[in-house]
Amino acid sequence: MITSDPTASQTAGAIILHVNGEKHALTVDHRTTLLDALRERLDLTGTKKGCDHGQCGACTLLVDGRRSLSCLQLAVAAEGREITTIEGVAGQGADEGELHPVQQAFLEFDGFQCGYCTPGQICSAIAVIEEHAAGWPSAATGDVHPGAPPEPLTPEEIRERMSGNLCRCGAYTSIVRAVAHAAEAGAVRDARDEEAAA
């Protein structure tokens, strides 16, 4: 029997998603992606649906502080984890309602054109800065031996680390400059310090 009510199906279940500091109780089909649950059920449309195959990065968001492609993750697998979408990134600046420092850098350095990929680019950039600050190497990192001194976040490093996020408008030069500026300003650490002080 075919039904449009997901609660009547044996392939659906109740979950609680922690999104941008709020809990949301949903009944979803077990095959629903996190991207579709956010966009279609919670009306959080900042996370974009691009290729729907994990190749463009438009759906990048943060799960437990690490970047994740929401089109490849099932909503049921995200239950109990802290999800931050682009809507939750704003307001993490110095004052309530301010843009996140990475968002501000994208504005200052014109890191977007049409803006479709920008939410995923910003979420990825936040994670890139954190990963680099934590000493995680990339394919562009010269010395990956344990105990090696941290290398600077060069344009080559930024390009490699951001390579999973495509920009069809070709704003890559500005994106690299924006990420570099935000990293130099200590954007992620400053925002977290402000949260801890609040």
N, C-alpha and C. Protein backbone atom coordinates (compact mmCIF):
# COMPACT_ATOMS: atom_id res chain seq x y z
N MET A 1 0.84 -1.18 0.00
CA MET A 1 0.00 0.00 0.00
C MET A 1 0.89 1.25 0.00
N ILE A 2 0.65 2.17 -0.90
CA ILE A 2 1.44 3.40 -1.01
C ILE A 2 0.74 4.49 -0.20
N THR A 3 1.52 5.18 0.60
CA THR A 3 0.97 6.26 1.41
C THR A 3 1.89 7.46 1.36
N SER A 4 1.33 8.65 1.46
CA SER A 4 2.15 9.86 1.47
C SER A 4 2.50 10.28 2.89
N ASP A 5 1.93 9.61 3.89
CA ASP A 5 2.20 9.93 5.29
C ASP A 5 3.41 9.16 5.76
N PRO A 6 4.56 9.85 6.03
CA PRO A 6 5.76 9.12 6.42
C PRO A 6 5.60 8.42 7.77
N THR A 7 4.67 8.87 8.63
CA THR A 7 4.50 8.22 9.93
C THR A 7 3.83 6.86 9.78
N ALA A 8 3.15 6.64 8.67
CA ALA A 8 2.45 5.37 8.47
C ALA A 8 3.35 4.32 7.83
N SER A 9 4.53 4.69 7.44
CA SER A 9 5.42 3.77 6.75
C SER A 9 6.36 3.07 7.73
N GLN A 10 6.70 1.84 7.42
CA GLN A 10 7.66 1.11 8.25
C GLN A 10 9.09 1.56 7.96
N THR A 11 9.27 2.38 6.94
CA THR A 11 10.61 2.87 6.61
C THR A 11 10.84 4.27 7.17
N ALA A 12 9.99 4.69 8.11
CA ALA A 12 10.14 6.02 8.71
C ALA A 12 10.29 5.89 10.22
N GLY A 13 10.87 6.91 10.81
CA GLY A 13 11.04 6.91 12.25
C GLY A 13 11.15 8.32 12.79
N ALA A 14 10.98 8.44 14.10
CA ALA A 14 11.07 9.73 14.76
C ALA A 14 12.52 9.99 15.16
N ILE A 15 13.00 11.19 14.88
CA ILE A 15 14.35 11.59 15.25
C ILE A 15 14.33 12.98 15.86
N ILE A 16 15.39 13.32 16.56
CA ILE A 16 15.56 14.68 17.06
C ILE A 16 16.86 15.20 16.50
N LEU A 17 16.79 16.30 15.76
CA LEU A 17 17.97 16.92 15.19
C LEU A 17 18.31 18.17 16.00
N HIS A 18 19.58 18.31 16.36
CA HIS A 18 20.09 19.50 17.06
C HIS A 18 20.69 20.41 16.00
N VAL A 19 19.96 21.44 15.62
CA VAL A 19 20.38 22.32 14.54
C VAL A 19 20.47 23.76 15.05
N ASN A 20 21.65 24.34 14.91
CA ASN A 20 21.88 25.73 15.28
C ASN A 20 21.42 26.03 16.71
N GLY A 21 21.69 25.09 17.60
CA GLY A 21 21.36 25.28 19.01
C GLY A 21 19.93 24.98 19.40
N GLU A 22 19.13 24.50 18.47
CA GLU A 22 17.73 24.17 18.76
C GLU A 22 17.46 22.71 18.45
N LYS A 23 16.53 22.11 19.20
CA LYS A 23 16.13 20.72 18.96
C LYS A 23 14.88 20.70 18.11
N HIS A 24 14.87 19.80 17.13
CA HIS A 24 13.73 19.65 16.23
C HIS A 24 13.33 18.19 16.18
N ALA A 25 12.09 17.88 16.58
CA ALA A 25 11.57 16.52 16.50
C ALA A 25 10.91 16.34 15.14
N LEU A 26 11.35 15.32 14.42
CA LEU A 26 10.83 15.05 13.07
C LEU A 26 10.54 13.57 12.91
N THR A 27 9.60 13.26 12.05
CA THR A 27 9.42 11.90 11.59
C THR A 27 9.85 11.90 10.13
N VAL A 28 10.89 11.13 9.83
CA VAL A 28 11.44 11.14 8.48
C VAL A 28 11.58 9.71 7.96
N ASP A 29 11.51 9.60 6.67
CA ASP A 29 11.84 8.35 6.02
C ASP A 29 13.31 8.06 6.30
N HIS A 30 13.65 6.83 6.57
CA HIS A 30 15.03 6.47 6.90
C HIS A 30 16.01 6.80 5.78
N ARG A 31 15.51 6.97 4.58
CA ARG A 31 16.38 7.26 3.43
C ARG A 31 16.53 8.76 3.17
N THR A 32 15.92 9.60 3.98
CA THR A 32 15.98 11.05 3.80
C THR A 32 17.38 11.55 4.14
N THR A 33 17.94 12.33 3.25
CA THR A 33 19.26 12.90 3.53
C THR A 33 19.12 14.04 4.52
N LEU A 34 20.22 14.35 5.19
CA LEU A 34 20.22 15.49 6.10
C LEU A 34 19.89 16.77 5.34
N LEU A 35 20.42 16.90 4.12
CA LEU A 35 20.14 18.07 3.29
C LEU A 35 18.64 18.25 3.06
N ASP A 36 17.96 17.18 2.68
CA ASP A 36 16.52 17.28 2.42
C ASP A 36 15.73 17.54 3.69
N ALA A 37 16.15 16.95 4.81
CA ALA A 37 15.45 17.19 6.07
C ALA A 37 15.56 18.67 6.46
N LEU A 38 16.74 19.24 6.29
CA LEU A 38 16.94 20.65 6.63
C LEU A 38 16.14 21.57 5.72
N ARG A 39 16.22 21.31 4.43
CA ARG A 39 15.58 22.20 3.46
C ARG A 39 14.06 22.01 3.42
N GLU A 40 13.61 20.78 3.36
CA GLU A 40 12.19 20.50 3.13
C GLU A 40 11.36 20.45 4.40
N ARG A 41 11.98 20.04 5.50
CA ARG A 41 11.20 19.87 6.74
C ARG A 41 11.42 21.02 7.73
N LEU A 42 12.62 21.59 7.76
CA LEU A 42 12.92 22.66 8.72
C LEU A 42 13.00 24.04 8.07
N ASP A 43 12.85 24.10 6.76
CA ASP A 43 12.87 25.36 6.01
C ASP A 43 14.18 26.12 6.20
N LEU A 44 15.28 25.38 6.38
CA LEU A 44 16.62 25.98 6.45
C LEU A 44 17.24 25.84 5.07
N THR A 45 16.94 26.79 4.20
CA THR A 45 17.31 26.67 2.79
C THR A 45 18.66 27.30 2.47
N GLY A 46 19.39 27.75 3.49
CA GLY A 46 20.73 28.29 3.25
C GLY A 46 21.68 27.24 2.73
N THR A 47 21.53 26.02 3.21
CA THR A 47 22.34 24.90 2.72
C THR A 47 21.79 24.53 1.35
N LYS A 48 22.63 24.60 0.33
CA LYS A 48 22.13 24.46 -1.04
C LYS A 48 22.26 23.03 -1.57
N LYS A 49 21.36 22.70 -2.47
CA LYS A 49 21.41 21.42 -3.17
C LYS A 49 22.01 21.71 -4.54
N GLY A 50 23.22 21.22 -4.74
CA GLY A 50 23.90 21.43 -6.02
C GLY A 50 23.85 20.17 -6.85
N CYS A 51 24.88 19.35 -6.72
CA CYS A 51 24.97 18.13 -7.54
C CYS A 51 24.20 16.96 -6.93
N ASP A 52 23.98 16.98 -5.62
CA ASP A 52 23.32 15.89 -4.89
C ASP A 52 24.12 14.59 -4.95
N HIS A 53 25.43 14.70 -5.25
CA HIS A 53 26.31 13.53 -5.32
C HIS A 53 27.60 13.73 -4.53
N GLY A 54 27.69 14.77 -3.73
CA GLY A 54 28.88 15.01 -2.92
C GLY A 54 30.08 15.51 -3.70
N GLN A 55 29.84 16.11 -4.86
CA GLN A 55 30.96 16.54 -5.69
C GLN A 55 31.16 18.05 -5.76
N CYS A 56 30.15 18.84 -5.37
CA CYS A 56 30.27 20.29 -5.56
C CYS A 56 30.49 21.06 -4.27
N GLY A 57 30.10 20.52 -3.13
CA GLY A 57 30.30 21.18 -1.85
C GLY A 57 29.26 22.23 -1.49
N ALA A 58 28.24 22.43 -2.32
CA ALA A 58 27.23 23.46 -2.03
C ALA A 58 26.45 23.15 -0.75
N CYS A 59 26.39 21.87 -0.38
CA CYS A 59 25.61 21.47 0.79
C CYS A 59 26.47 21.33 2.06
N THR A 60 27.70 21.83 2.03
CA THR A 60 28.59 21.70 3.18
C THR A 60 28.03 22.43 4.39
N LEU A 61 28.05 21.75 5.52
CA LEU A 61 27.70 22.34 6.80
C LEU A 61 28.62 21.74 7.85
N LEU A 62 28.42 22.10 9.10
CA LEU A 62 29.28 21.61 10.17
C LEU A 62 28.49 20.63 11.04
N VAL A 63 29.07 19.46 11.25
CA VAL A 63 28.49 18.47 12.15
C VAL A 63 29.52 18.20 13.23
N ASP A 64 29.15 18.52 14.46
CA ASP A 64 30.08 18.44 15.59
C ASP A 64 31.37 19.21 15.28
N GLY A 65 31.23 20.35 14.60
CA GLY A 65 32.36 21.21 14.30
C GLY A 65 33.20 20.82 13.11
N ARG A 66 32.88 19.70 12.48
CA ARG A 66 33.63 19.27 11.30
C ARG A 66 32.74 19.38 10.07
N ARG A 67 33.36 19.72 8.96
CA ARG A 67 32.55 19.89 7.75
C ARG A 67 32.04 18.56 7.25
N SER A 68 30.85 18.62 6.70
CA SER A 68 30.18 17.42 6.23
C SER A 68 29.34 17.77 5.01
N LEU A 69 29.26 16.85 4.08
CA LEU A 69 28.40 17.03 2.91
C LEU A 69 27.03 16.47 3.25
N SER A 70 26.07 17.36 3.45
CA SER A 70 24.76 16.92 3.93
C SER A 70 23.97 16.13 2.91
N CYS A 71 24.34 16.19 1.64
CA CYS A 71 23.62 15.39 0.63
C CYS A 71 24.01 13.92 0.70
N LEU A 72 25.14 13.63 1.36
CA LEU A 72 25.61 12.24 1.48
C LEU A 72 25.34 11.64 2.86
N GLN A 73 24.78 12.42 3.76
CA GLN A 73 24.54 11.95 5.12
C GLN A 73 23.05 11.78 5.34
N LEU A 74 22.68 10.65 5.91
CA LEU A 74 21.28 10.43 6.23
C LEU A 74 20.90 11.23 7.47
N ALA A 75 19.67 11.73 7.48
CA ALA A 75 19.20 12.50 8.63
C ALA A 75 19.23 11.67 9.89
N VAL A 76 18.86 10.38 9.80
CA VAL A 76 18.85 9.53 11.00
C VAL A 76 20.25 9.36 11.57
N ALA A 77 21.29 9.44 10.73
CA ALA A 77 22.66 9.29 11.21
C ALA A 77 23.16 10.55 11.90
N ALA A 78 22.45 11.66 11.74
CA ALA A 78 22.85 12.92 12.36
C ALA A 78 22.14 13.15 13.69
N GLU A 79 21.29 12.25 14.08
CA GLU A 79 20.57 12.43 15.34
C GLU A 79 21.54 12.50 16.51
N GLY A 80 21.32 13.47 17.39
CA GLY A 80 22.16 13.63 18.56
C GLY A 80 23.46 14.36 18.33
N ARG A 81 23.72 14.75 17.11
CA ARG A 81 24.95 15.48 16.79
C ARG A 81 24.63 16.96 16.62
N GLU A 82 25.62 17.82 16.87
CA GLU A 82 25.42 19.26 16.76
C GLU A 82 25.62 19.69 15.31
N ILE A 83 24.56 20.16 14.69
CA ILE A 83 24.58 20.56 13.29
C ILE A 83 24.55 22.09 13.23
N THR A 84 25.47 22.66 12.46
CA THR A 84 25.47 24.11 12.26
C THR A 84 25.37 24.38 10.77
N THR A 85 24.29 25.06 10.39
CA THR A 85 24.11 25.48 9.00
C THR A 85 24.56 26.93 8.88
N ILE A 86 24.51 27.46 7.69
CA ILE A 86 24.90 28.85 7.48
C ILE A 86 24.03 29.79 8.31
N GLU A 87 22.78 29.40 8.55
CA GLU A 87 21.90 30.24 9.38
C GLU A 87 22.40 30.32 10.82
N GLY A 88 23.09 29.30 11.28
CA GLY A 88 23.60 29.28 12.64
C GLY A 88 24.98 29.90 12.78
N VAL A 89 25.63 30.13 11.66
CA VAL A 89 26.97 30.73 11.68
C VAL A 89 26.88 32.21 12.03
N ALA A 90 25.89 32.90 11.47
CA ALA A 90 25.70 34.33 11.76
C ALA A 90 25.40 34.50 13.24
N GLY A 91 25.86 35.59 13.80
CA GLY A 91 25.63 35.84 15.22
C GLY A 91 26.74 35.32 16.10
N GLN A 92 27.74 34.66 15.50
CA GLN A 92 28.88 34.18 16.27
C GLN A 92 30.01 35.20 16.27
N GLY A 93 29.69 36.43 15.85
CA GLY A 93 30.69 37.50 15.86
C GLY A 93 30.84 38.10 17.24
N ALA A 94 31.44 39.25 17.31
CA ALA A 94 31.72 39.88 18.60
C ALA A 94 30.43 40.27 19.32
N ASP A 95 29.43 40.71 18.59
CA ASP A 95 28.17 41.12 19.19
C ASP A 95 27.03 40.31 18.59
N GLU A 96 25.98 40.16 19.37
CA GLU A 96 24.80 39.43 18.91
C GLU A 96 24.28 40.03 17.61
N GLY A 97 24.02 39.18 16.63
CA GLY A 97 23.50 39.64 15.35
C GLY A 97 24.56 40.04 14.34
N GLU A 98 25.83 40.09 14.75
CA GLU A 98 26.89 40.40 13.80
C GLU A 98 27.19 39.20 12.94
N LEU A 99 27.76 39.46 11.78
CA LEU A 99 28.21 38.38 10.93
C LEU A 99 29.39 37.67 11.57
N HIS A 100 29.52 36.39 11.25
CA HIS A 100 30.71 35.64 11.67
C HIS A 100 31.91 36.28 10.96
N PRO A 101 33.08 36.30 11.58
CA PRO A 101 34.25 36.92 10.93
C PRO A 101 34.57 36.35 9.54
N VAL A 102 34.28 35.08 9.32
CA VAL A 102 34.52 34.50 7.99
C VAL A 102 33.51 35.07 7.00
N GLN A 103 32.26 35.22 7.42
CA GLN A 103 31.27 35.84 6.55
C GLN A 103 31.68 37.27 6.20
N GLN A 104 32.15 38.01 7.20
CA GLN A 104 32.58 39.39 6.98
C GLN A 104 33.74 39.45 5.99
N ALA A 105 34.67 38.49 6.11
CA ALA A 105 35.81 38.45 5.18
C ALA A 105 35.33 38.18 3.75
N PHE A 106 34.34 37.32 3.58
CA PHE A 106 33.81 37.05 2.25
C PHE A 106 33.19 38.32 1.66
N LEU A 107 32.55 39.11 2.50
CA LEU A 107 32.00 40.38 2.01
C LEU A 107 33.11 41.36 1.65
N GLU A 108 34.07 41.51 2.53
CA GLU A 108 35.14 42.49 2.31
C GLU A 108 35.99 42.17 1.10
N PHE A 109 36.22 40.88 0.85
CA PHE A 109 37.10 40.49 -0.25
C PHE A 109 36.32 40.00 -1.47
N ASP A 110 35.00 40.23 -1.48
CA ASP A 110 34.16 39.87 -2.63
C ASP A 110 34.34 38.41 -3.00
N GLY A 111 34.18 37.54 -2.00
CA GLY A 111 34.39 36.11 -2.21
C GLY A 111 33.20 35.38 -2.79
N PHE A 112 32.35 36.07 -3.49
CA PHE A 112 31.19 35.43 -4.11
C PHE A 112 30.71 36.26 -5.28
N GLN A 113 29.96 35.62 -6.17
CA GLN A 113 29.31 36.36 -7.25
C GLN A 113 27.82 36.06 -7.20
N CYS A 114 27.39 34.91 -7.72
CA CYS A 114 25.95 34.62 -7.65
C CYS A 114 25.53 34.26 -6.23
N GLY A 115 26.46 33.74 -5.41
CA GLY A 115 26.17 33.43 -4.02
C GLY A 115 25.64 32.04 -3.75
N TYR A 116 25.40 31.25 -4.79
CA TYR A 116 24.80 29.93 -4.56
C TYR A 116 25.72 29.03 -3.74
N CYS A 117 27.00 29.04 -4.04
CA CYS A 117 27.94 28.16 -3.34
C CYS A 117 28.43 28.76 -2.03
N THR A 118 28.13 30.04 -1.78
CA THR A 118 28.72 30.76 -0.66
C THR A 118 28.44 30.14 0.71
N PRO A 119 27.22 29.68 1.02
CA PRO A 119 27.02 29.06 2.33
C PRO A 119 27.95 27.87 2.57
N GLY A 120 28.08 27.01 1.59
CA GLY A 120 28.99 25.87 1.71
C GLY A 120 30.44 26.30 1.79
N GLN A 121 30.80 27.33 1.02
CA GLN A 121 32.17 27.85 1.05
C GLN A 121 32.50 28.38 2.44
N ILE A 122 31.58 29.13 3.04
CA ILE A 122 31.82 29.72 4.36
C ILE A 122 31.93 28.64 5.43
N CYS A 123 31.01 27.68 5.43
CA CYS A 123 31.09 26.59 6.41
C CYS A 123 32.39 25.81 6.25
N SER A 124 32.78 25.57 5.01
CA SER A 124 34.04 24.87 4.76
C SER A 124 35.23 25.70 5.22
N ALA A 125 35.20 27.00 4.97
CA ALA A 125 36.30 27.88 5.37
C ALA A 125 36.48 27.90 6.88
N ILE A 126 35.38 27.92 7.62
CA ILE A 126 35.46 27.88 9.08
C ILE A 126 36.18 26.61 9.53
N ALA A 127 35.80 25.49 8.92
CA ALA A 127 36.44 24.21 9.26
C ALA A 127 37.90 24.18 8.83
N VAL A 128 38.21 24.75 7.67
CA VAL A 128 39.59 24.79 7.18
C VAL A 128 40.49 25.52 8.18
N ILE A 129 40.03 26.66 8.65
CA ILE A 129 40.82 27.45 9.59
C ILE A 129 41.03 26.66 10.89
N GLU A 130 40.00 25.99 11.36
CA GLU A 130 40.12 25.18 12.58
C GLU A 130 41.07 24.00 12.37
N GLU A 131 40.93 23.31 11.23
CA GLU A 131 41.78 22.15 10.94
C GLU A 131 43.25 22.58 10.88
N HIS A 132 43.52 23.69 10.22
CA HIS A 132 44.89 24.16 10.11
C HIS A 132 45.43 24.55 11.48
N ALA A 133 44.61 25.26 12.28
CA ALA A 133 45.04 25.68 13.61
C ALA A 133 45.32 24.47 14.51
N ALA A 134 44.61 23.37 14.27
CA ALA A 134 44.81 22.15 15.06
C ALA A 134 46.01 21.33 14.56
N GLY A 135 46.62 21.77 13.45
CA GLY A 135 47.80 21.08 12.93
C GLY A 135 47.52 19.93 11.99
N TRP A 136 46.29 19.85 11.47
CA TRP A 136 45.97 18.78 10.53
C TRP A 136 46.63 19.07 9.19
N PRO A 137 47.36 18.12 8.63
CA PRO A 137 48.00 18.36 7.33
C PRO A 137 47.01 18.19 6.18
N SER A 138 47.39 18.71 5.04
CA SER A 138 46.62 18.50 3.81
C SER A 138 47.58 17.90 2.79
N ALA A 139 47.09 17.65 1.59
CA ALA A 139 47.94 17.13 0.53
C ALA A 139 48.99 18.15 0.11
N ALA A 140 48.78 19.43 0.44
CA ALA A 140 49.74 20.47 0.08
C ALA A 140 50.75 20.75 1.19
N THR A 141 50.58 20.13 2.34
CA THR A 141 51.48 20.36 3.46
C THR A 141 52.83 19.72 3.17
N GLY A 142 53.90 20.52 3.32
CA GLY A 142 55.24 20.03 3.00
C GLY A 142 55.77 18.99 3.96
N ASP A 143 55.76 19.27 5.25
CA ASP A 143 56.33 18.36 6.24
C ASP A 143 55.21 17.83 7.13
N VAL A 144 54.92 16.54 6.99
CA VAL A 144 53.84 15.94 7.76
C VAL A 144 54.35 15.03 8.88
N HIS A 145 55.65 15.10 9.16
CA HIS A 145 56.21 14.28 10.23
C HIS A 145 55.68 14.73 11.59
N PRO A 146 55.49 13.79 12.53
CA PRO A 146 55.07 14.19 13.87
C PRO A 146 56.10 15.16 14.47
N GLY A 147 55.62 16.16 15.12
CA GLY A 147 56.50 17.14 15.74
C GLY A 147 56.98 18.23 14.80
N ALA A 148 56.59 18.16 13.53
CA ALA A 148 56.99 19.21 12.58
C ALA A 148 56.30 20.51 12.97
N PRO A 149 56.98 21.63 12.82
CA PRO A 149 56.35 22.91 13.16
C PRO A 149 55.18 23.19 12.23
N PRO A 150 54.17 23.89 12.72
CA PRO A 150 53.02 24.19 11.85
C PRO A 150 53.44 25.07 10.68
N GLU A 151 52.94 24.72 9.54
CA GLU A 151 53.23 25.51 8.34
C GLU A 151 52.20 26.62 8.20
N PRO A 152 52.55 27.72 7.56
CA PRO A 152 51.58 28.80 7.39
C PRO A 152 50.44 28.38 6.47
N LEU A 153 49.32 29.04 6.64
CA LEU A 153 48.16 28.76 5.79
C LEU A 153 48.33 29.57 4.50
N THR A 154 49.12 29.00 3.60
CA THR A 154 49.44 29.66 2.34
C THR A 154 48.27 29.57 1.36
N PRO A 155 48.29 30.36 0.29
CA PRO A 155 47.25 30.21 -0.73
C PRO A 155 47.16 28.79 -1.29
N GLU A 156 48.31 28.11 -1.41
CA GLU A 156 48.30 26.73 -1.92
C GLU A 156 47.57 25.83 -0.93
N GLU A 157 47.84 26.02 0.36
CA GLU A 157 47.15 25.23 1.39
C GLU A 157 45.65 25.50 1.35
N ILE A 158 45.27 26.76 1.24
CA ILE A 158 43.85 27.11 1.22
C ILE A 158 43.18 26.49 0.01
N ARG A 159 43.82 26.59 -1.16
CA ARG A 159 43.23 26.01 -2.37
C ARG A 159 43.02 24.51 -2.21
N GLU A 160 44.01 23.82 -1.68
CA GLU A 160 43.90 22.37 -1.49
C GLU A 160 42.79 22.04 -0.50
N ARG A 161 42.78 22.74 0.61
CA ARG A 161 41.80 22.44 1.66
C ARG A 161 40.37 22.81 1.25
N MET A 162 40.22 23.80 0.39
CA MET A 162 38.89 24.23 -0.08
C MET A 162 38.50 23.57 -1.40
N SER A 163 39.31 22.64 -1.89
CA SER A 163 39.09 22.10 -3.23
C SER A 163 37.79 21.32 -3.38
N GLY A 164 37.17 20.92 -2.31
CA GLY A 164 35.89 20.21 -2.40
C GLY A 164 34.70 21.12 -2.60
N ASN A 165 34.94 22.43 -2.61
CA ASN A 165 33.85 23.39 -2.79
C ASN A 165 34.05 24.11 -4.13
N LEU A 166 33.17 23.84 -5.05
CA LEU A 166 33.26 24.42 -6.39
C LEU A 166 32.48 25.73 -6.47
N CYS A 167 33.02 26.66 -7.24
CA CYS A 167 32.36 27.94 -7.51
C CYS A 167 32.22 28.07 -9.01
N ARG A 168 31.02 27.97 -9.50
CA ARG A 168 30.81 28.03 -10.95
C ARG A 168 31.09 29.42 -11.50
N CYS A 169 31.03 30.44 -10.65
CA CYS A 169 31.33 31.81 -11.10
C CYS A 169 32.82 32.07 -11.18
N GLY A 170 33.63 31.22 -10.54
CA GLY A 170 35.07 31.38 -10.60
C GLY A 170 35.61 32.44 -9.66
N ALA A 171 35.02 32.58 -8.48
CA ALA A 171 35.48 33.60 -7.53
C ALA A 171 36.61 33.07 -6.64
N TYR A 172 37.35 32.10 -7.12
CA TYR A 172 38.35 31.42 -6.29
C TYR A 172 39.43 32.35 -5.73
N THR A 173 39.91 33.28 -6.51
CA THR A 173 40.97 34.18 -6.04
C THR A 173 40.48 34.97 -4.83
N SER A 174 39.27 35.48 -4.90
CA SER A 174 38.71 36.24 -3.78
C SER A 174 38.41 35.35 -2.59
N ILE A 175 37.97 34.12 -2.84
CA ILE A 175 37.70 33.18 -1.75
C ILE A 175 38.99 32.89 -0.99
N VAL A 176 40.07 32.64 -1.71
CA VAL A 176 41.35 32.36 -1.06
C VAL A 176 41.78 33.55 -0.21
N ARG A 177 41.64 34.76 -0.75
CA ARG A 177 42.01 35.95 0.01
C ARG A 177 41.14 36.11 1.25
N ALA A 178 39.85 35.82 1.13
CA ALA A 178 38.94 35.95 2.27
C ALA A 178 39.30 34.95 3.37
N VAL A 179 39.59 33.71 2.99
CA VAL A 179 39.95 32.69 3.98
C VAL A 179 41.27 33.06 4.65
N ALA A 180 42.23 33.51 3.87
CA ALA A 180 43.52 33.90 4.43
C ALA A 180 43.36 35.06 5.41
N HIS A 181 42.55 36.03 5.05
CA HIS A 181 42.33 37.18 5.93
C HIS A 181 41.67 36.74 7.24
N ALA A 182 40.64 35.90 7.13
CA ALA A 182 39.93 35.44 8.33
C ALA A 182 40.86 34.63 9.22
N ALA A 183 41.72 33.81 8.60
CA ALA A 183 42.67 33.00 9.39
C ALA A 183 43.68 33.89 10.09
N GLU A 184 44.20 34.88 9.39
CA GLU A 184 45.18 35.80 9.99
C GLU A 184 44.57 36.58 11.15
N ALA A 185 43.29 36.88 11.03
CA ALA A 185 42.60 37.64 12.08
C ALA A 185 42.18 36.75 13.24
N GLY A 186 42.44 35.44 13.11
CA GLY A 186 42.05 34.51 14.18
C GLY A 186 40.54 34.40 14.30
N ALA A 187 39.84 34.40 13.16
CA ALA A 187 38.38 34.47 13.14
C ALA A 187 37.70 33.39 13.95
N VAL A 188 38.09 32.16 13.77
CA VAL A 188 37.38 31.08 14.45
C VAL A 188 37.66 31.11 15.93
N ARG A 189 38.90 31.29 16.31
CA ARG A 189 39.24 31.32 17.74
C ARG A 189 38.59 32.52 18.42
N ASP A 190 38.59 33.68 17.77
CA ASP A 190 37.99 34.87 18.37
C ASP A 190 36.50 34.66 18.61
N ALA A 191 35.81 34.08 17.64
CA ALA A 191 34.38 33.85 17.79
C ALA A 191 34.11 32.89 18.93
N ARG A 192 34.92 31.86 19.07
CA ARG A 192 34.73 30.90 20.16
C ARG A 192 35.05 31.53 21.51
N ASP A 193 36.07 32.40 21.56
CA ASP A 193 36.40 33.09 22.81
C ASP A 193 35.22 33.95 23.25
N GLU A 194 34.58 34.61 22.29
CA GLU A 194 33.44 35.44 22.63
C GLU A 194 32.29 34.60 23.17
N GLU A 195 32.06 33.42 22.57
CA GLU A 195 31.01 32.53 23.05
C GLU A 195 31.30 32.07 24.47
N ALA A 196 32.56 31.71 24.73
CA ALA A 196 32.92 31.22 26.05
C ALA A 196 32.77 32.31 27.11
N ALA A 197 33.03 33.56 26.72
CA ALA A 197 32.93 34.67 27.66
C ALA A 197 31.48 35.04 27.97
N ALA A 198 30.58 34.68 27.05
CA ALA A 198 29.15 35.06 27.21
C ALA A 198 28.47 34.23 28.28
